[in-house]
Amino acid sequence: MTQKQLTGIVVSDKMDKTIVVRVEQLKKHSKYLRRFKAHETYKAHDEKNEYKEGEHVVIEETRPLSRDKRWRVIGKAAI
């Protein structure tokens, strides 16, 4: 079984060993067929505190690490 991987932008790095990542998706409205952006934020584990605000990162689903953290950082995104 493979874990989900998402690409997003770091919006906060103020916590110790944790970053907040904003992931944007392009969706289509079911009735009006107009495309729109939707986003969601995830807390991800950053062991070495190496990722800073504004960087593009890839996160991967993992076991629960705390009450809110279910993702960990894989690396920088190739954008």
PDB file of N, CA and C in Angstrom:
ATOM      1  N   MET A   1       0.836  -1.181   0.000  1.00  0.00           N
ATOM      2  CA  MET A   1       0.000   0.000   0.000  1.00  0.00           C
ATOM      3  C   MET A   1       0.881   1.243   0.000  1.00  0.00           C
ATOM      4  N   THR A   2       0.583   2.197  -0.877  1.00  0.00           N
ATOM      5  CA  THR A   2       1.379   3.410  -0.949  1.00  0.00           C
ATOM      6  C   THR A   2       0.689   4.539  -0.204  1.00  0.00           C
ATOM      7  N   GLN A   3       1.503   5.431   0.317  1.00  0.00           N
ATOM      8  CA  GLN A   3       0.962   6.583   1.021  1.00  0.00           C
ATOM      9  C   GLN A   3       0.674   7.696   0.017  1.00  0.00           C
ATOM     10  N   LYS A   4      -0.286   8.537   0.357  1.00  0.00           N
ATOM     11  CA  LYS A   4      -0.596   9.688  -0.477  1.00  0.00           C
ATOM     12  C   LYS A   4       0.538  10.690  -0.383  1.00  0.00           C
ATOM     13  N   GLN A   5       0.826  11.349  -1.488  1.00  0.00           N
ATOM     14  CA  GLN A   5       1.803  12.426  -1.508  1.00  0.00           C
ATOM     15  C   GLN A   5       1.143  13.677  -2.074  1.00  0.00           C
ATOM     16  N   LEU A   6       1.391  14.806  -1.420  1.00  0.00           N
ATOM     17  CA  LEU A   6       0.831  16.078  -1.845  1.00  0.00           C
ATOM     18  C   LEU A   6       1.948  17.108  -1.961  1.00  0.00           C
ATOM     19  N   THR A   7       1.752  18.094  -2.816  1.00  0.00           N
ATOM     20  CA  THR A   7       2.708  19.178  -2.980  1.00  0.00           C
ATOM     21  C   THR A   7       2.052  20.480  -2.550  1.00  0.00           C
ATOM     22  N   GLY A   8       2.770  21.273  -1.760  1.00  0.00           N
ATOM     23  CA  GLY A   8       2.206  22.524  -1.284  1.00  0.00           C
ATOM     24  C   GLY A   8       3.272  23.519  -0.887  1.00  0.00           C
ATOM     25  N   ILE A   9       2.824  24.643  -0.344  1.00  0.00           N
ATOM     26  CA  ILE A   9       3.701  25.734   0.073  1.00  0.00           C
ATOM     27  C   ILE A   9       3.673  25.838   1.589  1.00  0.00           C
ATOM     28  N   VAL A  10       4.841  26.030   2.194  1.00  0.00           N
ATOM     29  CA  VAL A  10       4.941  26.203   3.645  1.00  0.00           C
ATOM     30  C   VAL A  10       4.402  27.588   3.991  1.00  0.00           C
ATOM     31  N   VAL A  11       3.382  27.634   4.851  1.00  0.00           N
ATOM     32  CA  VAL A  11       2.804  28.915   5.257  1.00  0.00           C
ATOM     33  C   VAL A  11       3.210  29.301   6.671  1.00  0.00           C
ATOM     34  N   SER A  12       3.729  28.346   7.460  1.00  0.00           N
ATOM     35  CA  SER A  12       4.185  28.654   8.817  1.00  0.00           C
ATOM     36  C   SER A  12       5.252  27.650   9.222  1.00  0.00           C
ATOM     37  N   ASP A  13       6.317  28.179   9.852  1.00  0.00           N
ATOM     38  CA  ASP A  13       7.372  27.311  10.375  1.00  0.00           C
ATOM     39  C   ASP A  13       7.720  27.686  11.816  1.00  0.00           C
ATOM     40  N   LYS A  14       6.763  28.242  12.540  1.00  0.00           N
ATOM     41  CA  LYS A  14       7.013  28.756  13.886  1.00  0.00           C
ATOM     42  C   LYS A  14       7.071  27.676  14.955  1.00  0.00           C
ATOM     43  N   MET A  15       6.458  26.517  14.709  1.00  0.00           N
ATOM     44  CA  MET A  15       6.463  25.442  15.703  1.00  0.00           C
ATOM     45  C   MET A  15       7.751  24.636  15.598  1.00  0.00           C
ATOM     46  N   ASP A  16       8.107  23.963  16.682  1.00  0.00           N
ATOM     47  CA  ASP A  16       9.310  23.141  16.693  1.00  0.00           C
ATOM     48  C   ASP A  16       9.017  21.802  16.017  1.00  0.00           C
ATOM     49  N   LYS A  17       9.789  21.466  14.992  1.00  0.00           N
ATOM     50  CA  LYS A  17       9.688  20.211  14.238  1.00  0.00           C
ATOM     51  C   LYS A  17       8.356  20.038  13.524  1.00  0.00           C
ATOM     52  N   THR A  18       7.635  21.139  13.298  1.00  0.00           N
ATOM     53  CA  THR A  18       6.347  21.084  12.610  1.00  0.00           C
ATOM     54  C   THR A  18       6.233  22.269  11.668  1.00  0.00           C
ATOM     55  N   ILE A  19       5.725  22.018  10.464  1.00  0.00           N
ATOM     56  CA  ILE A  19       5.412  23.097   9.533  1.00  0.00           C
ATOM     57  C   ILE A  19       3.958  22.958   9.106  1.00  0.00           C
ATOM     58  N   VAL A  20       3.387  24.069   8.667  1.00  0.00           N
ATOM     59  CA  VAL A  20       2.025  24.065   8.144  1.00  0.00           C
ATOM     60  C   VAL A  20       2.127  24.246   6.636  1.00  0.00           C
ATOM     61  N   VAL A  21       1.525  23.313   5.896  1.00  0.00           N
ATOM     62  CA  VAL A  21       1.617  23.304   4.434  1.00  0.00           C
ATOM     63  C   VAL A  21       0.239  23.545   3.844  1.00  0.00           C
ATOM     64  N   ARG A  22       0.158  24.478   2.889  1.00  0.00           N
ATOM     65  CA  ARG A  22      -1.107  24.776   2.201  1.00  0.00           C
ATOM     66  C   ARG A  22      -1.078  24.090   0.838  1.00  0.00           C
ATOM     67  N   VAL A  23      -2.065  23.222   0.601  1.00  0.00           N
ATOM     68  CA  VAL A  23      -2.161  22.477  -0.652  1.00  0.00           C
ATOM     69  C   VAL A  23      -3.362  23.007  -1.429  1.00  0.00           C
ATOM     70  N   GLU A  24      -3.119  23.453  -2.676  1.00  0.00           N
ATOM     71  CA  GLU A  24      -4.193  23.982  -3.520  1.00  0.00           C
ATOM     72  C   GLU A  24      -4.598  22.954  -4.565  1.00  0.00           C
ATOM     73  N   GLN A  25      -5.881  22.907  -4.852  1.00  0.00           N
ATOM     74  CA  GLN A  25      -6.421  22.036  -5.889  1.00  0.00           C
ATOM     75  C   GLN A  25      -7.283  22.864  -6.817  1.00  0.00           C
ATOM     76  N   LEU A  26      -7.366  22.464  -8.067  1.00  0.00           N
ATOM     77  CA  LEU A  26      -8.266  23.073  -9.032  1.00  0.00           C
ATOM     78  C   LEU A  26      -9.468  22.143  -9.164  1.00  0.00           C
ATOM     79  N   LYS A  27     -10.648  22.640  -8.811  1.00  0.00           N
ATOM     80  CA  LYS A  27     -11.867  21.826  -8.863  1.00  0.00           C
ATOM     81  C   LYS A  27     -12.832  22.418  -9.879  1.00  0.00           C
ATOM     82  N   LYS A  28     -13.813  21.600 -10.263  1.00  0.00           N
ATOM     83  CA  LYS A  28     -14.827  22.043 -11.207  1.00  0.00           C
ATOM     84  C   LYS A  28     -16.194  21.957 -10.533  1.00  0.00           C
ATOM     85  N   HIS A  29     -16.970  23.027 -10.638  1.00  0.00           N
ATOM     86  CA  HIS A  29     -18.303  23.053 -10.058  1.00  0.00           C
ATOM     87  C   HIS A  29     -19.205  22.086 -10.806  1.00  0.00           C
ATOM     88  N   SER A  30     -19.975  21.294 -10.072  1.00  0.00           N
ATOM     89  CA  SER A  30     -20.768  20.239 -10.703  1.00  0.00           C
ATOM     90  C   SER A  30     -21.897  20.773 -11.596  1.00  0.00           C
ATOM     91  N   LYS A  31     -22.498  21.879 -11.205  1.00  0.00           N
ATOM     92  CA  LYS A  31     -23.606  22.412 -11.995  1.00  0.00           C
ATOM     93  C   LYS A  31     -23.145  23.428 -13.039  1.00  0.00           C
ATOM     94  N   TYR A  32     -22.315  24.379 -12.619  1.00  0.00           N
ATOM     95  CA  TYR A  32     -21.957  25.491 -13.498  1.00  0.00           C
ATOM     96  C   TYR A  32     -20.679  25.237 -14.292  1.00  0.00           C
ATOM     97  N   LEU A  33     -19.971  24.146 -13.977  1.00  0.00           N
ATOM     98  CA  LEU A  33     -18.777  23.714 -14.694  1.00  0.00           C
ATOM     99  C   LEU A  33     -17.629  24.723 -14.673  1.00  0.00           C
ATOM    100  N   ARG A  34     -17.711  25.694 -13.811  1.00  0.00           N
ATOM    101  CA  ARG A  34     -16.635  26.667 -13.669  1.00  0.00           C
ATOM    102  C   ARG A  34     -15.539  26.080 -12.792  1.00  0.00           C
ATOM    103  N   ARG A  35     -14.300  26.336 -13.163  1.00  0.00           N
ATOM    104  CA  ARG A  35     -13.168  25.835 -12.372  1.00  0.00           C
ATOM    105  C   ARG A  35     -12.810  26.864 -11.310  1.00  0.00           C
ATOM    106  N   PHE A  36     -12.451  26.379 -10.116  1.00  0.00           N
ATOM    107  CA  PHE A  36     -12.079  27.271  -9.026  1.00  0.00           C
ATOM    108  C   PHE A  36     -11.004  26.616  -8.167  1.00  0.00           C
ATOM    109  N   LYS A  37     -10.266  27.441  -7.440  1.00  0.00           N
ATOM    110  CA  LYS A  37      -9.212  26.949  -6.571  1.00  0.00           C
ATOM    111  C   LYS A  37      -9.783  26.671  -5.187  1.00  0.00           C
ATOM    112  N   ALA A  38      -9.387  25.541  -4.631  1.00  0.00           N
ATOM    113  CA  ALA A  38      -9.746  25.202  -3.261  1.00  0.00           C
ATOM    114  C   ALA A  38      -8.448  24.831  -2.556  1.00  0.00           C
ATOM    115  N   HIS A  39      -8.322  25.159  -1.282  1.00  0.00           N
ATOM    116  CA  HIS A  39      -7.093  24.836  -0.570  1.00  0.00           C
ATOM    117  C   HIS A  39      -7.399  24.229   0.800  1.00  0.00           C
ATOM    118  N   GLU A  40      -6.416  23.530   1.323  1.00  0.00           N
ATOM    119  CA  GLU A  40      -6.507  22.917   2.643  1.00  0.00           C
ATOM    120  C   GLU A  40      -5.121  22.983   3.276  1.00  0.00           C
ATOM    121  N   THR A  41      -5.071  23.111   4.601  1.00  0.00           N
ATOM    122  CA  THR A  41      -3.781  23.162   5.287  1.00  0.00           C
ATOM    123  C   THR A  41      -3.555  21.867   6.059  1.00  0.00           C
ATOM    124  N   TYR A  42      -2.299  21.446   6.087  1.00  0.00           N
ATOM    125  CA  TYR A  42      -1.896  20.235   6.792  1.00  0.00           C
ATOM    126  C   TYR A  42      -0.696  20.558   7.667  1.00  0.00           C
ATOM    127  N   LYS A  43      -0.631  19.948   8.853  1.00  0.00           N
ATOM    128  CA  LYS A  43       0.555  20.045   9.690  1.00  0.00           C
ATOM    129  C   LYS A  43       1.436  18.853   9.374  1.00  0.00           C
ATOM    130  N   ALA A  44       2.702  19.129   9.103  1.00  0.00           N
ATOM    131  CA  ALA A  44       3.633  18.078   8.691  1.00  0.00           C
ATOM    132  C   ALA A  44       4.858  18.090   9.585  1.00  0.00           C
ATOM    133  N   HIS A  45       5.438  16.910   9.794  1.00  0.00           N
ATOM    134  CA  HIS A  45       6.613  16.743  10.642  1.00  0.00           C
ATOM    135  C   HIS A  45       7.873  17.112   9.870  1.00  0.00           C
ATOM    136  N   ASP A  46       8.669  18.005  10.459  1.00  0.00           N
ATOM    137  CA  ASP A  46       9.936  18.459   9.871  1.00  0.00           C
ATOM    138  C   ASP A  46      11.011  18.251  10.940  1.00  0.00           C
ATOM    139  N   GLU A  47      11.655  17.108  10.923  1.00  0.00           N
ATOM    140  CA  GLU A  47      12.570  16.686  11.994  1.00  0.00           C
ATOM    141  C   GLU A  47      13.694  17.685  12.258  1.00  0.00           C
ATOM    142  N   LYS A  48      14.294  18.245  11.200  1.00  0.00           N
ATOM    143  CA  LYS A  48      15.481  19.091  11.377  1.00  0.00           C
ATOM    144  C   LYS A  48      15.180  20.589  11.283  1.00  0.00           C
ATOM    145  N   ASN A  49      13.919  20.960  11.238  1.00  0.00           N
ATOM    146  CA  ASN A  49      13.519  22.366  11.097  1.00  0.00           C
ATOM    147  C   ASN A  49      14.223  23.044   9.918  1.00  0.00           C
ATOM    148  N   GLU A  50      14.303  22.346   8.774  1.00  0.00           N
ATOM    149  CA  GLU A  50      15.060  22.870   7.645  1.00  0.00           C
ATOM    150  C   GLU A  50      14.222  23.602   6.610  1.00  0.00           C
ATOM    151  N   TYR A  51      12.908  23.486   6.639  1.00  0.00           N
ATOM    152  CA  TYR A  51      12.052  24.117   5.633  1.00  0.00           C
ATOM    153  C   TYR A  51      11.474  25.409   6.190  1.00  0.00           C
ATOM    154  N   LYS A  52      11.564  26.468   5.393  1.00  0.00           N
ATOM    155  CA  LYS A  52      11.144  27.793   5.823  1.00  0.00           C
ATOM    156  C   LYS A  52       9.902  28.237   5.058  1.00  0.00           C
ATOM    157  N   GLU A  53       9.282  29.278   5.554  1.00  0.00           N
ATOM    158  CA  GLU A  53       8.059  29.810   4.977  1.00  0.00           C
ATOM    159  C   GLU A  53       8.269  30.217   3.520  1.00  0.00           C
ATOM    160  N   GLY A  54       7.340  29.819   2.649  1.00  0.00           N
ATOM    161  CA  GLY A  54       7.401  30.174   1.241  1.00  0.00           C
ATOM    162  C   GLY A  54       7.988  29.099   0.340  1.00  0.00           C
ATOM    163  N   GLU A  55       8.585  28.056   0.908  1.00  0.00           N
ATOM    164  CA  GLU A  55       9.187  26.998   0.096  1.00  0.00           C
ATOM    165  C   GLU A  55       8.126  25.995  -0.353  1.00  0.00           C
ATOM    166  N   HIS A  56       8.347  25.405  -1.528  1.00  0.00           N
ATOM    167  CA  HIS A  56       7.468  24.355  -2.042  1.00  0.00           C
ATOM    168  C   HIS A  56       8.002  23.018  -1.550  1.00  0.00           C
ATOM    169  N   VAL A  57       7.139  22.195  -0.922  1.00  0.00           N
ATOM    170  CA  VAL A  57       7.561  20.915  -0.365  1.00  0.00           C
ATOM    171  C   VAL A  57       6.606  19.804  -0.783  1.00  0.00           C
ATOM    172  N   VAL A  58       7.082  18.564  -0.659  1.00  0.00           N
ATOM    173  CA  VAL A  58       6.268  17.379  -0.877  1.00  0.00           C
ATOM    174  C   VAL A  58       6.067  16.722   0.480  1.00  0.00           C
ATOM    175  N   ILE A  59       4.810  16.435   0.824  1.00  0.00           N
ATOM    176  CA  ILE A  59       4.511  15.770   2.093  1.00  0.00           C
ATOM    177  C   ILE A  59       3.895  14.406   1.812  1.00  0.00           C
ATOM    178  N   GLU A  60       4.063  13.488   2.770  1.00  0.00           N
ATOM    179  CA  GLU A  60       3.583  12.124   2.615  1.00  0.00           C
ATOM    180  C   GLU A  60       2.781  11.733   3.842  1.00  0.00           C
ATOM    181  N   GLU A  61       1.707  10.998   3.608  1.00  0.00           N
ATOM    182  CA  GLU A  61       0.851  10.517   4.682  1.00  0.00           C
ATOM    183  C   GLU A  61       1.611   9.515   5.544  1.00  0.00           C
ATOM    184  N   THR A  62       1.404   9.560   6.857  1.00  0.00           N
ATOM    185  CA  THR A  62       2.088   8.656   7.779  1.00  0.00           C
ATOM    186  C   THR A  62       1.174   8.354   8.959  1.00  0.00           C
ATOM    187  N   ARG A  63       1.667   7.560   9.887  1.00  0.00           N
ATOM    188  CA  ARG A  63       0.884   7.251  11.083  1.00  0.00           C
ATOM    189  C   ARG A  63       0.697   8.523  11.908  1.00  0.00           C
ATOM    190  N   PRO A  64      -0.274   8.579  12.800  1.00  0.00           N
ATOM    191  CA  PRO A  64      -0.461   9.775  13.622  1.00  0.00           C
ATOM    192  C   PRO A  64       0.762  10.041  14.508  1.00  0.00           C
ATOM    193  N   LEU A  65       1.316  11.249  14.399  1.00  0.00           N
ATOM    194  CA  LEU A  65       2.477  11.630  15.191  1.00  0.00           C
ATOM    195  C   LEU A  65       2.085  12.463  16.404  1.00  0.00           C
ATOM    196  N   SER A  66       0.945  13.132  16.320  1.00  0.00           N
ATOM    197  CA  SER A  66       0.398  13.904  17.436  1.00  0.00           C
ATOM    198  C   SER A  66      -1.095  14.059  17.166  1.00  0.00           C
ATOM    199  N   ARG A  67      -1.740  14.938  17.916  1.00  0.00           N
ATOM    200  CA  ARG A  67      -3.177  15.108  17.730  1.00  0.00           C
ATOM    201  C   ARG A  67      -3.520  15.608  16.326  1.00  0.00           C
ATOM    202  N   ASP A  68      -2.688  16.471  15.772  1.00  0.00           N
ATOM    203  CA  ASP A  68      -2.979  17.074  14.476  1.00  0.00           C
ATOM    204  C   ASP A  68      -2.094  16.576  13.336  1.00  0.00           C
ATOM    205  N   LYS A  69      -0.917  16.046  13.648  1.00  0.00           N
ATOM    206  CA  LYS A  69       0.052  15.694  12.598  1.00  0.00           C
ATOM    207  C   LYS A  69      -0.152  14.271  12.094  1.00  0.00           C
ATOM    208  N   ARG A  70      -0.441  14.167  10.780  1.00  0.00           N
ATOM    209  CA  ARG A  70      -0.541  12.865  10.107  1.00  0.00           C
ATOM    210  C   ARG A  70       0.275  12.849   8.825  1.00  0.00           C
ATOM    211  N   TRP A  71       1.152  13.835   8.635  1.00  0.00           N
ATOM    212  CA  TRP A  71       1.953  13.976   7.434  1.00  0.00           C
ATOM    213  C   TRP A  71       3.404  14.230   7.823  1.00  0.00           C
ATOM    214  N   ARG A  72       4.342  13.859   6.943  1.00  0.00           N
ATOM    215  CA  ARG A  72       5.746  14.186   7.154  1.00  0.00           C
ATOM    216  C   ARG A  72       6.328  14.694   5.847  1.00  0.00           C
ATOM    217  N   VAL A  73       7.360  15.514   5.963  1.00  0.00           N
ATOM    218  CA  VAL A  73       7.964  16.142   4.786  1.00  0.00           C
ATOM    219  C   VAL A  73       8.923  15.158   4.123  1.00  0.00           C
ATOM    220  N   ILE A  74       8.798  14.999   2.813  1.00  0.00           N
ATOM    221  CA  ILE A  74       9.691  14.148   2.027  1.00  0.00           C
ATOM    222  C   ILE A  74      10.878  14.952   1.526  1.00  0.00           C
ATOM    223  N   GLY A  75      10.600  16.144   0.985  1.00  0.00           N
ATOM    224  CA  GLY A  75      11.667  16.986   0.445  1.00  0.00           C
ATOM    225  C   GLY A  75      11.091  18.182  -0.272  1.00  0.00           C
ATOM    226  N   LYS A  76      11.966  18.931  -0.930  1.00  0.00           N
ATOM    227  CA  LYS A  76      11.521  20.086  -1.696  1.00  0.00           C
ATOM    228  C   LYS A  76      10.889  19.623  -3.004  1.00  0.00           C
ATOM    229  N   ALA A  77       9.900  20.379  -3.446  1.00  0.00           N
ATOM    230  CA  ALA A  77       9.211  20.053  -4.691  1.00  0.00           C
ATOM    231  C   ALA A  77      10.008  20.594  -5.864  1.00  0.00           C
ATOM    232  N   ALA A  78      10.023  19.863  -6.950  1.00  0.00           N
ATOM    233  CA  ALA A  78      10.715  20.294  -8.166  1.00  0.00           C
ATOM    234  C   ALA A  78       9.784  21.164  -8.991  1.00  0.00           C
ATOM    235  N   ILE A  79       9.798  22.457  -8.709  1.00  0.00           N
ATOM    236  CA  ILE A  79       8.928  23.394  -9.439  1.00  0.00           C
ATOM    237  C   ILE A  79       9.774  24.431 -10.124  1.00  0.00           C
TER     238      ILE A  79
END
